[in-house]
Amino acid sequence: MASPSIRGVLPDVGAQAPELRYVKPDRSNASLSELNGQVVVLLSMPSLDTKICAVETRVFNQRAAEIGAHVLALTMDLPMAMKRFCEVEGIANVHMGSDFRFRDLSEKWNAAIAEGPLEATTCRAVWVIDPNGVVRYHEWVVELGNEPDYEAALKAAKELL
């Protein structure tokens, strides 16, 4: 799969995490600011209906317990699809959110894919955010067919706990 371009510059290490509202699988609204005081591993991905996004979610679900951080995965999927995926796959350690309503991940975090067949979905990226809302780790996985560096993200999260 070709490397997509995105619509802007992603928040990088040292930046204050921008506002990020999302919709939970039960269709209620939530915000990253509600997680202040916690270490957050934030995952951005196009859709749980793609092979690599499903694998990434399963891996972080298995590994989340070992780091003690809040793992939050955001996609453009509808909340009902997220809920169904989590129930079928037994995902209990990764919290899911949809960018479909507020588009903060797409527009304020600049994570929207700018062209191609997945245009307007969100890119594959990982951020680790400290309890004060500062980005302490960032990886943009430019090639959508690749998985993120799990070990680096987990190490960054562990160092903040």
C-alpha atoms as a PDB file:
ATOM      1  CA  MET A   1       0.000   0.000   0.000  1.00  0.00           C
ATOM      2  CA  ALA A   2       1.363   3.434  -0.898  1.00  0.00           C
ATOM      3  CA  SER A   3       2.419   5.916   1.747  1.00  0.00           C
ATOM      4  CA  PRO A   4      -0.359   8.478   2.187  1.00  0.00           C
ATOM      5  CA  SER A   5       0.161  12.144   2.805  1.00  0.00           C
ATOM      6  CA  ILE A   6      -1.645  13.845   5.656  1.00  0.00           C
ATOM      7  CA  ARG A   7      -3.262  17.254   5.801  1.00  0.00           C
ATOM      8  CA  GLY A   8      -0.851  18.919   8.210  1.00  0.00           C
ATOM      9  CA  VAL A   9       1.816  18.491  10.850  1.00  0.00           C
ATOM     10  CA  LEU A  10       1.123  15.973  13.601  1.00  0.00           C
ATOM     11  CA  PRO A  11       1.720  16.991  17.238  1.00  0.00           C
ATOM     12  CA  ASP A  12       5.278  15.985  18.098  1.00  0.00           C
ATOM     13  CA  VAL A  13       7.314  15.344  21.226  1.00  0.00           C
ATOM     14  CA  GLY A  14       7.224  18.305  23.610  1.00  0.00           C
ATOM     15  CA  ALA A  15       3.930  19.702  22.292  1.00  0.00           C
ATOM     16  CA  GLN A  16       0.875  20.126  24.480  1.00  0.00           C
ATOM     17  CA  ALA A  17      -1.714  17.619  23.264  1.00  0.00           C
ATOM     18  CA  PRO A  18      -4.409  19.505  21.314  1.00  0.00           C
ATOM     19  CA  GLU A  19      -8.072  19.259  22.209  1.00  0.00           C
ATOM     20  CA  LEU A  20      -9.383  15.824  21.333  1.00  0.00           C
ATOM     21  CA  ARG A  21     -13.048  14.946  21.579  1.00  0.00           C
ATOM     22  CA  TYR A  22     -14.310  11.550  20.446  1.00  0.00           C
ATOM     23  CA  VAL A  23     -17.299   9.230  20.611  1.00  0.00           C
ATOM     24  CA  LYS A  24     -17.139   6.084  22.720  1.00  0.00           C
ATOM     25  CA  PRO A  25     -18.619   2.749  21.566  1.00  0.00           C
ATOM     26  CA  ASP A  26     -21.749   3.452  23.662  1.00  0.00           C
ATOM     27  CA  ARG A  27     -22.153   6.646  21.536  1.00  0.00           C
ATOM     28  CA  SER A  28     -21.424   8.990  24.448  1.00  0.00           C
ATOM     29  CA  ASN A  29     -19.016  11.871  23.985  1.00  0.00           C
ATOM     30  CA  ALA A  30     -15.613  11.901  25.665  1.00  0.00           C
ATOM     31  CA  SER A  31     -12.462  13.997  25.685  1.00  0.00           C
ATOM     32  CA  LEU A  32      -8.754  13.430  26.138  1.00  0.00           C
ATOM     33  CA  SER A  33      -8.843  16.099  28.849  1.00  0.00           C
ATOM     34  CA  GLU A  34     -10.905  13.683  30.973  1.00  0.00           C
ATOM     35  CA  LEU A  35      -7.753  11.548  31.167  1.00  0.00           C
ATOM     36  CA  ASN A  36      -5.554  14.325  32.626  1.00  0.00           C
ATOM     37  CA  GLY A  37      -3.372  12.899  35.373  1.00  0.00           C
ATOM     38  CA  GLN A  38      -2.920   9.605  33.519  1.00  0.00           C
ATOM     39  CA  VAL A  39      -0.341   8.354  31.057  1.00  0.00           C
ATOM     40  CA  VAL A  40      -2.165   7.841  27.760  1.00  0.00           C
ATOM     41  CA  VAL A  41      -1.054   5.780  24.788  1.00  0.00           C
ATOM     42  CA  LEU A  42      -3.051   7.262  21.914  1.00  0.00           C
ATOM     43  CA  LEU A  43      -3.409   5.216  18.754  1.00  0.00           C
ATOM     44  CA  SER A  44      -4.648   6.685  15.486  1.00  0.00           C
ATOM     45  CA  MET A  45      -5.656   4.296  12.715  1.00  0.00           C
ATOM     46  CA  PRO A  46      -7.942   4.296   9.670  1.00  0.00           C
ATOM     47  CA  SER A  47     -10.407   1.490  10.493  1.00  0.00           C
ATOM     48  CA  LEU A  48     -10.687  -1.641  12.580  1.00  0.00           C
ATOM     49  CA  ASP A  49     -11.934  -3.309   9.403  1.00  0.00           C
ATOM     50  CA  THR A  50      -8.400  -3.308   8.004  1.00  0.00           C
ATOM     51  CA  LYS A  51      -5.998  -6.144   8.786  1.00  0.00           C
ATOM     52  CA  ILE A  52      -3.171  -4.077  10.310  1.00  0.00           C
ATOM     53  CA  CYS A  53      -5.505  -1.937  12.450  1.00  0.00           C
ATOM     54  CA  ALA A  54      -7.102  -5.090  13.855  1.00  0.00           C
ATOM     55  CA  VAL A  55      -3.667  -6.603  14.567  1.00  0.00           C
ATOM     56  CA  GLU A  56      -2.448  -3.376  16.202  1.00  0.00           C
ATOM     57  CA  THR A  57      -5.511  -3.257  18.457  1.00  0.00           C
ATOM     58  CA  ARG A  58      -5.085  -6.906  19.459  1.00  0.00           C
ATOM     59  CA  VAL A  59      -1.383  -6.431  20.267  1.00  0.00           C
ATOM     60  CA  PHE A  60      -1.952  -3.298  22.356  1.00  0.00           C
ATOM     61  CA  ASN A  61      -4.854  -5.056  24.088  1.00  0.00           C
ATOM     62  CA  GLN A  62      -2.525  -7.919  25.081  1.00  0.00           C
ATOM     63  CA  ARG A  63       0.292  -5.606  26.138  1.00  0.00           C
ATOM     64  CA  ALA A  64      -1.734  -2.842  27.852  1.00  0.00           C
ATOM     65  CA  ALA A  65      -1.861  -4.590  31.216  1.00  0.00           C
ATOM     66  CA  GLU A  66       1.935  -4.662  31.447  1.00  0.00           C
ATOM     67  CA  ILE A  67       2.291  -0.899  31.156  1.00  0.00           C
ATOM     68  CA  GLY A  68      -0.512   0.406  33.365  1.00  0.00           C
ATOM     69  CA  ALA A  69      -1.321   3.265  31.004  1.00  0.00           C
ATOM     70  CA  HIS A  70      -4.679   4.189  29.474  1.00  0.00           C
ATOM     71  CA  VAL A  71      -4.593   2.914  25.870  1.00  0.00           C
ATOM     72  CA  LEU A  72      -7.006   4.795  23.617  1.00  0.00           C
ATOM     73  CA  ALA A  73      -7.487   3.838  19.963  1.00  0.00           C
ATOM     74  CA  LEU A  74      -9.253   6.280  17.651  1.00  0.00           C
ATOM     75  CA  THR A  75     -10.517   5.528  14.151  1.00  0.00           C
ATOM     76  CA  MET A  76     -13.170   6.820  11.783  1.00  0.00           C
ATOM     77  CA  ASP A  77     -15.313   3.739  12.451  1.00  0.00           C
ATOM     78  CA  LEU A  78     -18.800   4.227  13.783  1.00  0.00           C
ATOM     79  CA  PRO A  79     -19.246   3.472  17.499  1.00  0.00           C
ATOM     80  CA  MET A  80     -21.471   0.459  16.819  1.00  0.00           C
ATOM     81  CA  ALA A  81     -18.786  -1.140  14.635  1.00  0.00           C
ATOM     82  CA  MET A  82     -16.166  -0.517  17.334  1.00  0.00           C
ATOM     83  CA  LYS A  83     -18.369  -2.099  19.972  1.00  0.00           C
ATOM     84  CA  ARG A  84     -18.988  -5.144  17.770  1.00  0.00           C
ATOM     85  CA  PHE A  85     -15.247  -5.525  17.011  1.00  0.00           C
ATOM     86  CA  CYS A  86     -14.311  -5.333  20.703  1.00  0.00           C
ATOM     87  CA  GLU A  87     -16.967  -7.878  21.689  1.00  0.00           C
ATOM     88  CA  VAL A  88     -15.954 -10.351  18.963  1.00  0.00           C
ATOM     89  CA  GLU A  89     -12.201  -9.924  19.566  1.00  0.00           C
ATOM     90  CA  GLY A  90     -12.360  -9.782  23.367  1.00  0.00           C
ATOM     91  CA  ILE A  91     -10.788  -6.305  23.460  1.00  0.00           C
ATOM     92  CA  ALA A  92     -10.981  -5.146  27.069  1.00  0.00           C
ATOM     93  CA  ASN A  93      -7.727  -3.249  27.695  1.00  0.00           C
ATOM     94  CA  VAL A  94      -7.891  -0.790  24.791  1.00  0.00           C
ATOM     95  CA  HIS A  95     -10.497   1.958  25.020  1.00  0.00           C
ATOM     96  CA  MET A  96     -12.025   2.826  21.658  1.00  0.00           C
ATOM     97  CA  GLY A  97     -13.160   6.127  20.229  1.00  0.00           C
ATOM     98  CA  SER A  98     -14.500   7.413  16.930  1.00  0.00           C
ATOM     99  CA  ASP A  99     -13.460  10.627  15.221  1.00  0.00           C
ATOM    100  CA  PHE A 100     -16.591  10.685  13.057  1.00  0.00           C
ATOM    101  CA  ARG A 101     -18.548  13.320  15.033  1.00  0.00           C
ATOM    102  CA  PHE A 102     -15.996  15.934  16.128  1.00  0.00           C
ATOM    103  CA  ARG A 103     -13.104  15.249  13.721  1.00  0.00           C
ATOM    104  CA  ASP A 104     -10.604  16.638  16.267  1.00  0.00           C
ATOM    105  CA  LEU A 105      -8.071  13.904  15.486  1.00  0.00           C
ATOM    106  CA  SER A 106      -8.453  14.651  11.791  1.00  0.00           C
ATOM    107  CA  GLU A 107      -8.469  18.430  11.969  1.00  0.00           C
ATOM    108  CA  LYS A 108      -6.814  19.595  15.232  1.00  0.00           C
ATOM    109  CA  TRP A 109      -4.225  16.805  15.307  1.00  0.00           C
ATOM    110  CA  ASN A 110      -3.891  16.907  11.460  1.00  0.00           C
ATOM    111  CA  ALA A 111      -4.155  13.121  11.235  1.00  0.00           C
ATOM    112  CA  ALA A 112      -6.510  12.983   8.234  1.00  0.00           C
ATOM    113  CA  ILE A 113      -5.172  11.186   5.188  1.00  0.00           C
ATOM    114  CA  ALA A 114      -5.153  13.717   2.353  1.00  0.00           C
ATOM    115  CA  GLU A 115      -5.525  11.505  -0.716  1.00  0.00           C
ATOM    116  CA  GLY A 116      -6.086   8.019  -2.051  1.00  0.00           C
ATOM    117  CA  PRO A 117      -8.614   5.318  -1.256  1.00  0.00           C
ATOM    118  CA  LEU A 118      -8.524   6.016   2.487  1.00  0.00           C
ATOM    119  CA  GLU A 119      -8.757   9.801   2.118  1.00  0.00           C
ATOM    120  CA  ALA A 120     -10.356  11.510   5.142  1.00  0.00           C
ATOM    121  CA  THR A 121      -9.745   8.545   7.444  1.00  0.00           C
ATOM    122  CA  THR A 122      -7.015   8.920  10.024  1.00  0.00           C
ATOM    123  CA  CYS A 123      -3.393   7.919   9.566  1.00  0.00           C
ATOM    124  CA  ARG A 124      -1.564   5.310  11.618  1.00  0.00           C
ATOM    125  CA  ALA A 125       0.249   7.041  14.473  1.00  0.00           C
ATOM    126  CA  VAL A 126       1.070   6.514  18.136  1.00  0.00           C
ATOM    127  CA  TRP A 127       1.507   9.152  20.811  1.00  0.00           C
ATOM    128  CA  VAL A 128       2.381   8.723  24.468  1.00  0.00           C
ATOM    129  CA  ILE A 129       1.037  11.609  26.515  1.00  0.00           C
ATOM    130  CA  ASP A 130       2.193  12.342  30.052  1.00  0.00           C
ATOM    131  CA  PRO A 131      -0.155  13.117  32.990  1.00  0.00           C
ATOM    132  CA  ASN A 132       0.160  16.859  32.224  1.00  0.00           C
ATOM    133  CA  GLY A 133      -1.009  16.437  28.621  1.00  0.00           C
ATOM    134  CA  VAL A 134       2.429  16.780  27.010  1.00  0.00           C
ATOM    135  CA  VAL A 135       3.421  14.501  24.131  1.00  0.00           C
ATOM    136  CA  ARG A 136       6.460  12.470  25.234  1.00  0.00           C
ATOM    137  CA  TYR A 137       6.620   9.985  22.350  1.00  0.00           C
ATOM    138  CA  HIS A 138       5.381  10.079  18.783  1.00  0.00           C
ATOM    139  CA  GLU A 139       5.555   7.728  15.827  1.00  0.00           C
ATOM    140  CA  TRP A 140       3.876   8.301  12.494  1.00  0.00           C
ATOM    141  CA  VAL A 141       3.749   4.999  10.619  1.00  0.00           C
ATOM    142  CA  VAL A 142       3.939   6.441   7.126  1.00  0.00           C
ATOM    143  CA  GLU A 143       3.386   3.100   5.390  1.00  0.00           C
ATOM    144  CA  LEU A 144      -0.176   2.072   6.283  1.00  0.00           C
ATOM    145  CA  GLY A 145       0.681  -1.593   5.730  1.00  0.00           C
ATOM    146  CA  ASN A 146       3.218  -1.526   8.578  1.00  0.00           C
ATOM    147  CA  GLU A 147       2.617  -1.937  12.285  1.00  0.00           C
ATOM    148  CA  PRO A 148       3.912   0.612  14.795  1.00  0.00           C
ATOM    149  CA  ASP A 149       6.991   0.038  16.934  1.00  0.00           C
ATOM    150  CA  TYR A 150       5.199  -1.534  19.890  1.00  0.00           C
ATOM    151  CA  GLU A 151       8.313  -1.844  22.033  1.00  0.00           C
ATOM    152  CA  ALA A 152       9.261   1.833  21.671  1.00  0.00           C
ATOM    153  CA  ALA A 153       5.746   3.024  22.531  1.00  0.00           C
ATOM    154  CA  LEU A 154       5.474   0.687  25.509  1.00  0.00           C
ATOM    155  CA  LYS A 155       8.919   1.719  26.758  1.00  0.00           C
ATOM    156  CA  ALA A 156       7.988   5.416  26.502  1.00  0.00           C
ATOM    157  CA  ALA A 157       4.796   4.808  28.479  1.00  0.00           C
ATOM    158  CA  LYS A 158       6.551   2.734  31.157  1.00  0.00           C
ATOM    159  CA  GLU A 159       9.134   5.500  31.673  1.00  0.00           C
ATOM    160  CA  LEU A 160       6.326   7.906  32.629  1.00  0.00           C
ATOM    161  CA  LEU A 161       4.726   5.651  35.224  1.00  0.00           C
END
